[in-house]
Amino acid sequence: MYAATEYTGAFLDTLNAKYVNDLKERASWLIDRFGKMSDLELDRYIRSNIGKWGAEFESESVLWLNEVVYE
């Protein structure tokens, strides 16, 4: 899991301003949309919708499985 630390702000300040603004907008949307869900609720939501989101998640899933096998 990823989380902000005390160094996050300084790191983001080094990135392109448009990229950072877009990133902040997406993070804010995620918090608004999913922030109150428990881990179990979020897991259920993802599992019930992943098939609707396209092949990009399927290929990432295959890559993740390969990483687990080789670890």
Protein backbone atom coordinates (compact mmCIF):
# COMPACT_ATOMS: atom_id res chain seq x y z
CA MET A 1 0.00 0.00 0.00
CA TYR A 2 1.18 3.53 -0.73
CA ALA A 3 0.90 6.42 1.68
CA ALA A 4 2.16 9.98 1.95
CA THR A 5 5.04 10.67 4.31
CA GLU A 6 6.66 13.84 5.62
CA TYR A 7 8.75 13.93 2.41
CA THR A 8 5.85 13.67 -0.03
CA GLY A 9 5.28 17.41 -0.41
CA ALA A 10 8.94 18.10 -1.20
CA PHE A 11 9.00 15.27 -3.71
CA LEU A 12 5.87 16.50 -5.46
CA ASP A 13 7.30 20.01 -5.63
CA THR A 14 10.10 18.68 -7.83
CA LEU A 15 7.66 17.32 -10.42
CA ASN A 16 6.08 19.15 -13.33
CA ALA A 17 3.32 21.45 -12.05
CA LYS A 18 0.63 20.14 -14.41
CA TYR A 19 1.44 16.56 -13.49
CA VAL A 20 1.25 17.37 -9.78
CA ASN A 21 -2.05 19.22 -10.17
CA ASP A 22 -3.51 16.31 -12.14
CA LEU A 23 -2.22 13.88 -9.51
CA LYS A 24 -3.78 15.93 -6.69
CA GLU A 25 -7.12 16.06 -8.54
CA ARG A 26 -7.12 12.28 -9.00
CA ALA A 27 -6.13 11.68 -5.38
CA SER A 28 -8.92 13.98 -4.22
CA TRP A 29 -11.44 12.16 -6.42
CA LEU A 30 -10.29 8.80 -5.04
CA ILE A 31 -10.68 10.00 -1.47
CA ASP A 32 -14.13 11.43 -2.19
CA ARG A 33 -15.25 8.27 -3.97
CA PHE A 34 -13.66 5.51 -1.90
CA GLY A 35 -12.29 7.11 1.28
CA LYS A 36 -15.09 5.94 3.56
CA MET A 37 -15.04 2.33 2.35
CA SER A 38 -13.48 -0.35 4.50
CA ASP A 39 -10.82 -2.56 2.96
CA LEU A 40 -13.41 -5.30 2.60
CA GLU A 41 -15.91 -2.97 0.87
CA LEU A 42 -13.22 -1.70 -1.50
CA ASP A 43 -12.10 -5.25 -2.29
CA ARG A 44 -15.68 -6.26 -3.06
CA TYR A 45 -16.19 -3.17 -5.25
CA ILE A 46 -13.04 -3.88 -7.26
CA ARG A 47 -13.82 -7.57 -7.69
CA SER A 48 -17.36 -6.84 -8.86
CA ASN A 49 -16.24 -4.20 -11.38
CA ILE A 50 -12.82 -5.21 -12.67
CA GLY A 51 -14.31 -7.00 -15.66
CA LYS A 52 -15.86 -3.71 -16.82
CA TRP A 53 -12.60 -1.76 -16.76
CA GLY A 54 -10.78 -3.32 -19.68
CA ALA A 55 -7.84 -5.42 -20.64
CA GLU A 56 -5.22 -3.14 -19.07
CA PHE A 57 -6.07 -4.59 -15.66
CA GLU A 58 -5.93 -8.13 -16.96
CA SER A 59 -2.41 -7.69 -18.33
CA GLU A 60 -1.26 -6.02 -15.11
CA SER A 61 -2.81 -8.85 -13.15
CA VAL A 62 -0.86 -11.40 -15.19
CA LEU A 63 2.34 -9.45 -14.58
CA TRP A 64 1.60 -9.32 -10.86
CA LEU A 65 1.06 -13.06 -10.75
CA ASN A 66 4.41 -13.57 -12.45
CA GLU A 67 6.11 -11.36 -9.86
CA VAL A 68 4.60 -13.36 -7.03
CA VAL A 69 5.74 -16.65 -8.55
CA TYR A 70 9.32 -15.42 -8.88
CA GLU A 71 9.64 -13.77 -5.47
